Amino acid sequence: MDTVRPRRLRTTPAMRRLVREVEVRGSQLVLPMFVAERAGDIASMPGVRRHDVAGVGAAARRAVEAGVGGVMLFGVPDDHDKDPFGSQAWALDGILQRGIAAVRDEVGDGTVIMADTCLDEFTTHGHCGFLMEDGRVDNDSTLVAYAEMAVAQASAGAHVVAPSG
């Protein structure tokens, strides 16, 4: 017996256009951007750069002009700005908040400005939360820090805070 595989939804280009499920446009994409005290290439991610505060706004403007729908900012503090709690993550003058403000000053509401709400880059130990004496993450006390971080990001101009931790 022959297997019958109906292909009625693929019969013509017009039919395929009508029923296709996904069409990706640049306006639906989000560009990840890293902001640090000093600009430079990221060796582990060829073609990706860290932007300093002075240049991140212009880079975001170029992304908007290219048709990208949003930018997602990740803060990369200097090692001397890190501590076990990641306190620079919610500091009003922290690298991420300054980067958000620079992008907002440059593009305003011309794109969606998102901010990574995670402590890993801000802590000396690299974990996404406060550590207990036994090395486990203390989720409950960490939530308070995430709330403070989200408020600082929104105050700096982020349209969306994105808790990834």
N, C-alpha and C. Protein backbone atom coordinates (compact mmCIF):
# COMPACT_ATOMS: atom_id res chain seq x y z
N MET A 1 0.84 -1.18 0.00
CA MET A 1 0.00 0.00 0.00
C MET A 1 0.88 1.24 0.00
N ASP A 2 0.56 2.19 -0.85
CA ASP A 2 1.32 3.43 -0.93
C ASP A 2 0.92 4.35 0.21
N THR A 3 1.93 5.04 0.77
CA THR A 3 1.67 6.02 1.81
C THR A 3 1.21 7.31 1.16
N VAL A 4 0.15 7.89 1.69
CA VAL A 4 -0.39 9.14 1.16
C VAL A 4 0.03 10.26 2.10
N ARG A 5 0.69 11.25 1.55
CA ARG A 5 1.11 12.41 2.34
C ARG A 5 0.53 13.67 1.69
N PRO A 6 -0.61 14.13 2.18
CA PRO A 6 -1.22 15.31 1.58
C PRO A 6 -0.30 16.53 1.69
N ARG A 7 -0.19 17.27 0.62
CA ARG A 7 0.66 18.46 0.59
C ARG A 7 -0.14 19.69 0.16
N ARG A 8 -1.43 19.71 0.47
CA ARG A 8 -2.28 20.79 -0.03
C ARG A 8 -1.83 22.17 0.46
N LEU A 9 -1.18 22.25 1.63
CA LEU A 9 -0.74 23.55 2.14
C LEU A 9 0.61 23.97 1.56
N ARG A 10 1.12 23.17 0.65
CA ARG A 10 2.40 23.51 0.00
C ARG A 10 2.26 23.61 -1.52
N THR A 11 1.07 23.64 -2.01
CA THR A 11 0.85 23.52 -3.45
C THR A 11 1.33 24.72 -4.27
N THR A 12 1.21 25.93 -3.75
CA THR A 12 1.61 27.10 -4.51
C THR A 12 2.35 28.08 -3.59
N PRO A 13 3.12 29.00 -4.17
CA PRO A 13 3.77 30.02 -3.32
C PRO A 13 2.76 30.84 -2.52
N ALA A 14 1.62 31.15 -3.12
CA ALA A 14 0.60 31.94 -2.42
C ALA A 14 0.07 31.17 -1.21
N MET A 15 -0.17 29.87 -1.38
CA MET A 15 -0.66 29.05 -0.27
C MET A 15 0.40 28.98 0.84
N ARG A 16 1.64 28.78 0.45
CA ARG A 16 2.71 28.71 1.46
C ARG A 16 2.84 30.02 2.21
N ARG A 17 2.74 31.15 1.52
CA ARG A 17 2.80 32.46 2.17
C ARG A 17 1.66 32.64 3.18
N LEU A 18 0.49 32.18 2.78
CA LEU A 18 -0.69 32.34 3.62
C LEU A 18 -0.60 31.54 4.92
N VAL A 19 -0.03 30.36 4.89
CA VAL A 19 -0.09 29.47 6.05
C VAL A 19 1.24 29.31 6.79
N ARG A 20 2.28 29.97 6.32
CA ARG A 20 3.54 29.79 7.03
C ARG A 20 3.41 30.30 8.46
N GLU A 21 4.15 29.67 9.35
CA GLU A 21 3.99 29.97 10.78
C GLU A 21 4.87 31.11 11.26
N VAL A 22 6.05 31.20 10.74
CA VAL A 22 7.00 32.15 11.31
C VAL A 22 7.65 32.99 10.22
N GLU A 23 7.72 34.24 10.47
CA GLU A 23 8.48 35.14 9.61
C GLU A 23 9.29 36.04 10.53
N VAL A 24 10.59 35.88 10.51
CA VAL A 24 11.46 36.63 11.40
C VAL A 24 11.87 37.93 10.72
N ARG A 25 11.68 39.02 11.45
CA ARG A 25 12.08 40.35 10.97
C ARG A 25 13.09 40.93 11.95
N GLY A 26 13.90 41.82 11.46
CA GLY A 26 14.87 42.49 12.32
C GLY A 26 14.22 43.19 13.49
N SER A 27 13.04 43.72 13.28
CA SER A 27 12.33 44.43 14.34
C SER A 27 11.89 43.51 15.48
N GLN A 28 12.00 42.20 15.28
CA GLN A 28 11.66 41.24 16.32
C GLN A 28 12.89 40.75 17.07
N LEU A 29 14.06 41.20 16.66
CA LEU A 29 15.30 40.71 17.25
C LEU A 29 15.83 41.66 18.31
N VAL A 30 16.56 41.10 19.25
CA VAL A 30 17.17 41.86 20.34
C VAL A 30 18.69 41.66 20.24
N LEU A 31 19.41 42.77 20.23
CA LEU A 31 20.87 42.73 20.16
C LEU A 31 21.46 42.76 21.56
N PRO A 32 22.19 41.71 21.95
CA PRO A 32 22.88 41.77 23.25
C PRO A 32 24.07 42.73 23.16
N MET A 33 24.21 43.58 24.16
CA MET A 33 25.31 44.54 24.20
C MET A 33 25.94 44.50 25.59
N PHE A 34 27.26 44.53 25.61
CA PHE A 34 27.99 44.49 26.87
C PHE A 34 28.59 45.86 27.12
N VAL A 35 28.41 46.37 28.34
CA VAL A 35 28.94 47.68 28.68
C VAL A 35 29.93 47.53 29.84
N ALA A 36 31.11 48.13 29.65
CA ALA A 36 32.20 48.03 30.62
C ALA A 36 32.90 49.38 30.72
N GLU A 37 33.81 49.50 31.65
CA GLU A 37 34.57 50.75 31.80
C GLU A 37 35.44 51.03 30.57
N ARG A 38 35.95 49.95 29.96
CA ARG A 38 36.80 50.09 28.77
C ARG A 38 36.24 49.26 27.63
N ALA A 39 36.20 49.86 26.45
CA ALA A 39 35.74 49.15 25.26
C ALA A 39 36.81 48.17 24.80
N GLY A 40 36.38 47.14 24.10
CA GLY A 40 37.33 46.19 23.54
C GLY A 40 36.64 44.92 23.08
N ASP A 41 37.37 44.14 22.29
CA ASP A 41 36.84 42.88 21.80
C ASP A 41 36.72 41.87 22.93
N ILE A 42 35.78 40.95 22.79
CA ILE A 42 35.63 39.85 23.74
C ILE A 42 36.23 38.62 23.05
N ALA A 43 37.37 38.19 23.53
CA ALA A 43 38.14 37.12 22.88
C ALA A 43 37.33 35.84 22.70
N SER A 44 36.51 35.51 23.67
CA SER A 44 35.76 34.25 23.61
C SER A 44 34.53 34.33 22.70
N MET A 45 34.21 35.53 22.20
CA MET A 45 33.07 35.71 21.31
C MET A 45 33.50 36.57 20.12
N PRO A 46 34.12 35.95 19.12
CA PRO A 46 34.62 36.72 17.97
C PRO A 46 33.53 37.59 17.35
N GLY A 47 33.90 38.86 17.09
CA GLY A 47 32.98 39.80 16.49
C GLY A 47 32.12 40.55 17.48
N VAL A 48 32.23 40.20 18.76
CA VAL A 48 31.43 40.86 19.80
C VAL A 48 32.37 41.74 20.62
N ARG A 49 31.88 42.94 20.95
CA ARG A 49 32.68 43.91 21.69
C ARG A 49 32.03 44.31 22.99
N ARG A 50 32.85 44.74 23.90
CA ARG A 50 32.38 45.48 25.07
C ARG A 50 32.39 46.94 24.66
N HIS A 51 31.36 47.66 25.05
CA HIS A 51 31.28 49.09 24.77
C HIS A 51 31.50 49.84 26.07
N ASP A 52 32.21 50.95 26.01
CA ASP A 52 32.29 51.79 27.19
C ASP A 52 31.06 52.69 27.23
N VAL A 53 30.86 53.36 28.36
CA VAL A 53 29.66 54.19 28.52
C VAL A 53 29.60 55.28 27.46
N ALA A 54 30.76 55.83 27.10
CA ALA A 54 30.79 56.90 26.11
C ALA A 54 30.37 56.42 24.72
N GLY A 55 30.53 55.14 24.41
CA GLY A 55 30.24 54.65 23.07
C GLY A 55 29.01 53.77 22.94
N VAL A 56 28.45 53.33 24.05
CA VAL A 56 27.33 52.38 23.97
C VAL A 56 26.09 53.01 23.38
N GLY A 57 25.87 54.28 23.61
CA GLY A 57 24.69 54.95 23.04
C GLY A 57 24.75 54.99 21.53
N ALA A 58 25.90 55.35 20.98
CA ALA A 58 26.06 55.40 19.53
C ALA A 58 25.91 54.01 18.91
N ALA A 59 26.44 52.99 19.58
CA ALA A 59 26.29 51.61 19.09
C ALA A 59 24.82 51.20 19.08
N ALA A 60 24.08 51.60 20.11
CA ALA A 60 22.65 51.30 20.16
C ALA A 60 21.91 52.04 19.05
N ARG A 61 22.28 53.28 18.79
CA ARG A 61 21.66 54.05 17.71
C ARG A 61 21.88 53.35 16.37
N ARG A 62 23.08 52.85 16.13
CA ARG A 62 23.36 52.14 14.87
C ARG A 62 22.49 50.88 14.76
N ALA A 63 22.28 50.20 15.88
CA ALA A 63 21.42 49.01 15.87
C ALA A 63 19.99 49.38 15.53
N VAL A 64 19.51 50.47 16.11
CA VAL A 64 18.15 50.94 15.82
C VAL A 64 18.03 51.31 14.34
N GLU A 65 19.03 52.01 13.82
CA GLU A 65 19.02 52.40 12.40
C GLU A 65 19.05 51.18 11.49
N ALA A 66 19.65 50.09 11.95
CA ALA A 66 19.70 48.85 11.16
C ALA A 66 18.39 48.06 11.26
N GLY A 67 17.49 48.49 12.15
CA GLY A 67 16.18 47.85 12.24
C GLY A 67 15.99 46.87 13.38
N VAL A 68 16.95 46.80 14.30
CA VAL A 68 16.82 45.89 15.44
C VAL A 68 15.71 46.40 16.37
N GLY A 69 14.93 45.49 16.91
CA GLY A 69 13.78 45.86 17.74
C GLY A 69 14.10 46.20 19.18
N GLY A 70 15.25 45.76 19.66
CA GLY A 70 15.61 46.04 21.04
C GLY A 70 17.07 45.76 21.30
N VAL A 71 17.54 46.27 22.42
CA VAL A 71 18.90 45.98 22.86
C VAL A 71 18.83 45.44 24.29
N MET A 72 19.69 44.49 24.59
CA MET A 72 19.76 43.90 25.92
C MET A 72 21.14 44.19 26.48
N LEU A 73 21.18 44.99 27.53
CA LEU A 73 22.45 45.41 28.10
C LEU A 73 22.89 44.50 29.24
N PHE A 74 24.15 44.12 29.19
CA PHE A 74 24.80 43.33 30.23
C PHE A 74 25.93 44.16 30.80
N GLY A 75 25.98 44.31 32.10
CA GLY A 75 27.05 45.06 32.74
C GLY A 75 28.25 44.19 33.02
N VAL A 76 29.43 44.74 32.77
CA VAL A 76 30.68 44.03 33.05
C VAL A 76 31.55 44.96 33.89
N PRO A 77 31.42 44.87 35.23
CA PRO A 77 32.20 45.77 36.08
C PRO A 77 33.67 45.36 36.15
N ASP A 78 34.51 46.31 36.49
CA ASP A 78 35.91 45.99 36.76
C ASP A 78 36.00 45.10 37.98
N ASP A 79 37.07 44.31 38.06
CA ASP A 79 37.24 43.41 39.20
C ASP A 79 37.21 44.14 40.53
N HIS A 80 37.78 45.34 40.60
CA HIS A 80 37.82 46.07 41.87
C HIS A 80 36.45 46.57 42.30
N ASP A 81 35.46 46.51 41.39
CA ASP A 81 34.09 46.92 41.72
C ASP A 81 33.22 45.74 42.17
N LYS A 82 33.80 44.54 42.19
CA LYS A 82 33.03 43.35 42.57
C LYS A 82 33.18 43.09 44.07
N ASP A 83 32.14 42.50 44.65
CA ASP A 83 32.20 42.06 46.03
C ASP A 83 31.34 40.80 46.16
N PRO A 84 31.35 40.13 47.31
CA PRO A 84 30.59 38.88 47.44
C PRO A 84 29.08 39.03 47.22
N PHE A 85 28.56 40.25 47.35
CA PHE A 85 27.12 40.47 47.21
C PHE A 85 26.74 41.10 45.87
N GLY A 86 27.72 41.55 45.10
CA GLY A 86 27.42 42.18 43.82
C GLY A 86 26.77 43.53 43.96
N SER A 87 27.17 44.28 44.98
CA SER A 87 26.47 45.53 45.31
C SER A 87 26.50 46.58 44.20
N GLN A 88 27.45 46.51 43.28
CA GLN A 88 27.46 47.46 42.17
C GLN A 88 26.31 47.20 41.20
N ALA A 89 25.67 46.05 41.32
CA ALA A 89 24.55 45.71 40.44
C ALA A 89 23.36 46.64 40.65
N TRP A 90 23.21 47.17 41.85
CA TRP A 90 22.09 48.07 42.11
C TRP A 90 22.54 49.49 42.46
N ALA A 91 23.84 49.74 42.37
CA ALA A 91 24.35 51.10 42.62
C ALA A 91 23.88 52.03 41.51
N LEU A 92 23.40 53.18 41.87
CA LEU A 92 22.90 54.12 40.86
C LEU A 92 23.99 54.53 39.88
N ASP A 93 25.26 54.52 40.32
CA ASP A 93 26.37 54.86 39.42
C ASP A 93 27.11 53.61 38.94
N GLY A 94 26.48 52.45 39.07
CA GLY A 94 27.08 51.21 38.58
C GLY A 94 27.19 51.21 37.06
N ILE A 95 28.07 50.38 36.54
CA ILE A 95 28.34 50.37 35.10
C ILE A 95 27.09 50.08 34.28
N LEU A 96 26.25 49.18 34.74
CA LEU A 96 25.05 48.85 33.96
C LEU A 96 24.06 50.01 33.95
N GLN A 97 23.85 50.63 35.09
CA GLN A 97 22.91 51.76 35.13
C GLN A 97 23.42 52.92 34.29
N ARG A 98 24.73 53.18 34.31
CA ARG A 98 25.27 54.25 33.47
C ARG A 98 25.13 53.90 32.00
N GLY A 99 25.31 52.64 31.65
CA GLY A 99 25.12 52.21 30.26
C GLY A 99 23.68 52.34 29.80
N ILE A 100 22.75 51.94 30.67
CA ILE A 100 21.32 52.08 30.34
C ILE A 100 20.98 53.54 30.10
N ALA A 101 21.43 54.41 31.00
CA ALA A 101 21.13 55.84 30.87
C ALA A 101 21.72 56.40 29.58
N ALA A 102 22.93 55.97 29.21
CA ALA A 102 23.55 56.46 27.98
C ALA A 102 22.76 56.02 26.75
N VAL A 103 22.28 54.78 26.75
CA VAL A 103 21.47 54.30 25.63
C VAL A 103 20.14 55.04 25.59
N ARG A 104 19.52 55.23 26.73
CA ARG A 104 18.23 55.92 26.78
C ARG A 104 18.38 57.37 26.30
N ASP A 105 19.50 58.02 26.69
CA ASP A 105 19.75 59.39 26.22
C ASP A 105 19.91 59.44 24.70
N GLU A 106 20.49 58.41 24.14
CA GLU A 106 20.78 58.39 22.69
C GLU A 106 19.55 58.02 21.86
N VAL A 107 18.80 57.00 22.28
CA VAL A 107 17.71 56.49 21.44
C VAL A 107 16.33 56.70 22.04
N GLY A 108 16.25 57.13 23.28
CA GLY A 108 14.95 57.36 23.91
C GLY A 108 14.06 56.15 23.84
N ASP A 109 12.88 56.33 23.27
CA ASP A 109 11.94 55.22 23.11
C ASP A 109 12.00 54.64 21.70
N GLY A 110 13.09 54.92 20.97
CA GLY A 110 13.24 54.43 19.60
C GLY A 110 13.50 52.95 19.51
N THR A 111 13.80 52.31 20.62
CA THR A 111 13.95 50.87 20.68
C THR A 111 13.60 50.45 22.10
N VAL A 112 13.45 49.16 22.30
CA VAL A 112 13.20 48.64 23.64
C VAL A 112 14.55 48.38 24.31
N ILE A 113 14.75 49.02 25.44
CA ILE A 113 16.00 48.86 26.19
C ILE A 113 15.75 47.86 27.30
N MET A 114 16.47 46.76 27.25
CA MET A 114 16.35 45.69 28.24
C MET A 114 17.64 45.62 29.05
N ALA A 115 17.53 45.14 30.27
CA ALA A 115 18.70 45.02 31.12
C ALA A 115 18.74 43.64 31.77
N ASP A 116 19.90 43.03 31.75
CA ASP A 116 20.09 41.74 32.40
C ASP A 116 20.07 41.94 33.92
N THR A 117 19.16 41.28 34.58
CA THR A 117 19.04 41.38 36.02
C THR A 117 19.61 40.10 36.63
N CYS A 118 20.92 40.12 36.81
CA CYS A 118 21.62 38.96 37.36
C CYS A 118 22.88 39.45 38.06
N LEU A 119 23.25 38.78 39.12
CA LEU A 119 24.39 39.21 39.94
C LEU A 119 25.72 38.58 39.52
N ASP A 120 25.72 37.59 38.66
CA ASP A 120 26.95 36.82 38.41
C ASP A 120 28.15 37.67 38.03
N GLU A 121 27.98 38.64 37.15
CA GLU A 121 29.10 39.48 36.72
C GLU A 121 29.57 40.43 37.82
N PHE A 122 28.72 40.67 38.80
CA PHE A 122 29.01 41.67 39.83
C PHE A 122 29.61 41.08 41.10
N THR A 123 29.57 39.75 41.23
CA THR A 123 30.09 39.11 42.44
C THR A 123 31.52 38.61 42.23
N THR A 124 32.27 38.57 43.31
CA THR A 124 33.65 38.07 43.24
C THR A 124 33.68 36.57 42.97
N HIS A 125 32.63 35.86 43.34
CA HIS A 125 32.60 34.40 43.18
C HIS A 125 31.92 33.97 41.89
N GLY A 126 31.24 34.88 41.18
CA GLY A 126 30.63 34.57 39.89
C GLY A 126 29.31 33.85 39.95
N HIS A 127 28.75 33.66 41.14
CA HIS A 127 27.44 33.03 41.24
C HIS A 127 26.34 34.09 41.10
N CYS A 128 25.15 33.64 40.81
CA CYS A 128 24.01 34.53 40.58
C CYS A 128 23.30 34.93 41.87
N GLY A 129 23.90 34.68 43.00
CA GLY A 129 23.25 35.02 44.25
C GLY A 129 24.21 35.04 45.41
N PHE A 130 23.66 35.36 46.56
CA PHE A 130 24.45 35.38 47.79
C PHE A 130 24.77 33.95 48.19
N LEU A 131 25.99 33.72 48.63
CA LEU A 131 26.39 32.37 49.04
C LEU A 131 26.30 32.21 50.55
N MET A 132 25.84 31.04 50.95
CA MET A 132 25.84 30.69 52.36
C MET A 132 27.20 30.09 52.71
N GLU A 133 27.43 29.86 53.98
CA GLU A 133 28.72 29.33 54.42
C GLU A 133 29.05 27.99 53.78
N ASP A 134 28.04 27.18 53.48
CA ASP A 134 28.29 25.87 52.88
C ASP A 134 28.44 25.95 51.35
N GLY A 135 28.41 27.17 50.78
CA GLY A 135 28.62 27.35 49.35
C GLY A 135 27.36 27.33 48.50
N ARG A 136 26.22 27.03 49.11
CA ARG A 136 24.97 27.05 48.35
C ARG A 136 24.46 28.49 48.23
N VAL A 137 23.70 28.73 47.16
CA VAL A 137 23.12 30.06 46.95
C VAL A 137 21.92 30.22 47.87
N ASP A 138 21.86 31.34 48.57
CA ASP A 138 20.74 31.68 49.44
C ASP A 138 19.72 32.44 48.60
N ASN A 139 18.80 31.69 48.02
CA ASN A 139 17.83 32.28 47.09
C ASN A 139 16.98 33.36 47.73
N ASP A 140 16.50 33.12 48.95
CA ASP A 140 15.58 34.08 49.57
C ASP A 140 16.23 35.44 49.78
N SER A 141 17.44 35.49 50.33
CA SER A 141 18.07 36.79 50.54
C SER A 141 18.52 37.41 49.22
N THR A 142 18.80 36.59 48.23
CA THR A 142 19.20 37.10 46.93
C THR A 142 18.04 37.84 46.24
N LEU A 143 16.82 37.41 46.46
CA LEU A 143 15.66 38.05 45.82
C LEU A 143 15.56 39.53 46.17
N VAL A 144 15.93 39.89 47.39
CA VAL A 144 15.90 41.29 47.79
C VAL A 144 16.87 42.09 46.92
N ALA A 145 18.06 41.53 46.68
CA ALA A 145 19.05 42.21 45.84
C ALA A 145 18.55 42.33 44.40
N TYR A 146 17.89 41.28 43.90
CA TYR A 146 17.35 41.34 42.54
C TYR A 146 16.29 42.44 42.43
N ALA A 147 15.48 42.58 43.44
CA ALA A 147 14.46 43.64 43.42
C ALA A 147 15.14 45.01 43.38
N GLU A 148 16.17 45.20 44.19
CA GLU A 148 16.89 46.48 44.18
C GLU A 148 17.56 46.72 42.84
N MET A 149 18.11 45.67 42.27
CA MET A 149 18.76 45.79 40.96
C MET A 149 17.74 46.18 39.90
N ALA A 150 16.58 45.55 39.90
CA ALA A 150 15.54 45.85 38.91
C ALA A 150 15.06 47.30 39.05
N VAL A 151 14.90 47.78 40.26
CA VAL A 151 14.48 49.16 40.47
C VAL A 151 15.55 50.12 39.95
N ALA A 152 16.82 49.83 40.23
CA ALA A 152 17.91 50.69 39.75
C ALA A 152 17.94 50.71 38.22
N GLN A 153 17.73 49.56 37.58
CA GLN A 153 17.73 49.50 36.12
C GLN A 153 16.55 50.29 35.54
N ALA A 154 15.38 50.12 36.12
CA ALA A 154 14.21 50.87 35.64
C ALA A 154 14.41 52.37 35.85
N SER A 155 14.98 52.75 36.98
CA SER A 155 15.24 54.17 37.26
C SER A 155 16.25 54.75 36.27
N ALA A 156 17.18 53.92 35.79
CA ALA A 156 18.17 54.38 34.83
C ALA A 156 17.60 54.52 33.43
N GLY A 157 16.42 53.90 33.18
CA GLY A 157 15.78 54.06 31.89
C GLY A 157 15.44 52.78 31.15
N ALA A 158 15.66 51.62 31.76
CA ALA A 158 15.33 50.36 31.09
C ALA A 158 13.81 50.23 30.93
N HIS A 159 13.39 49.80 29.75
CA HIS A 159 11.97 49.52 29.53
C HIS A 159 11.60 48.17 30.11
N VAL A 160 12.55 47.24 30.07
CA VAL A 160 12.32 45.86 30.51
C VAL A 160 13.49 45.43 31.37
N VAL A 161 13.19 44.85 32.54
CA VAL A 161 14.23 44.20 33.33
C VAL A 161 14.06 42.70 33.11
N ALA A 162 15.17 42.01 32.92
CA ALA A 162 15.12 40.61 32.52
C ALA A 162 15.88 39.75 33.53
N PRO A 163 15.17 39.25 34.53
CA PRO A 163 15.84 38.42 35.54
C PRO A 163 16.31 37.10 34.94
N SER A 164 17.60 36.95 34.82
CA SER A 164 18.16 35.70 34.27
C SER A 164 18.78 34.84 35.36
N GLY A 165 18.94 35.40 36.55
CA GLY A 165 19.57 34.64 37.65
C GLY A 165 18.58 33.75 38.34
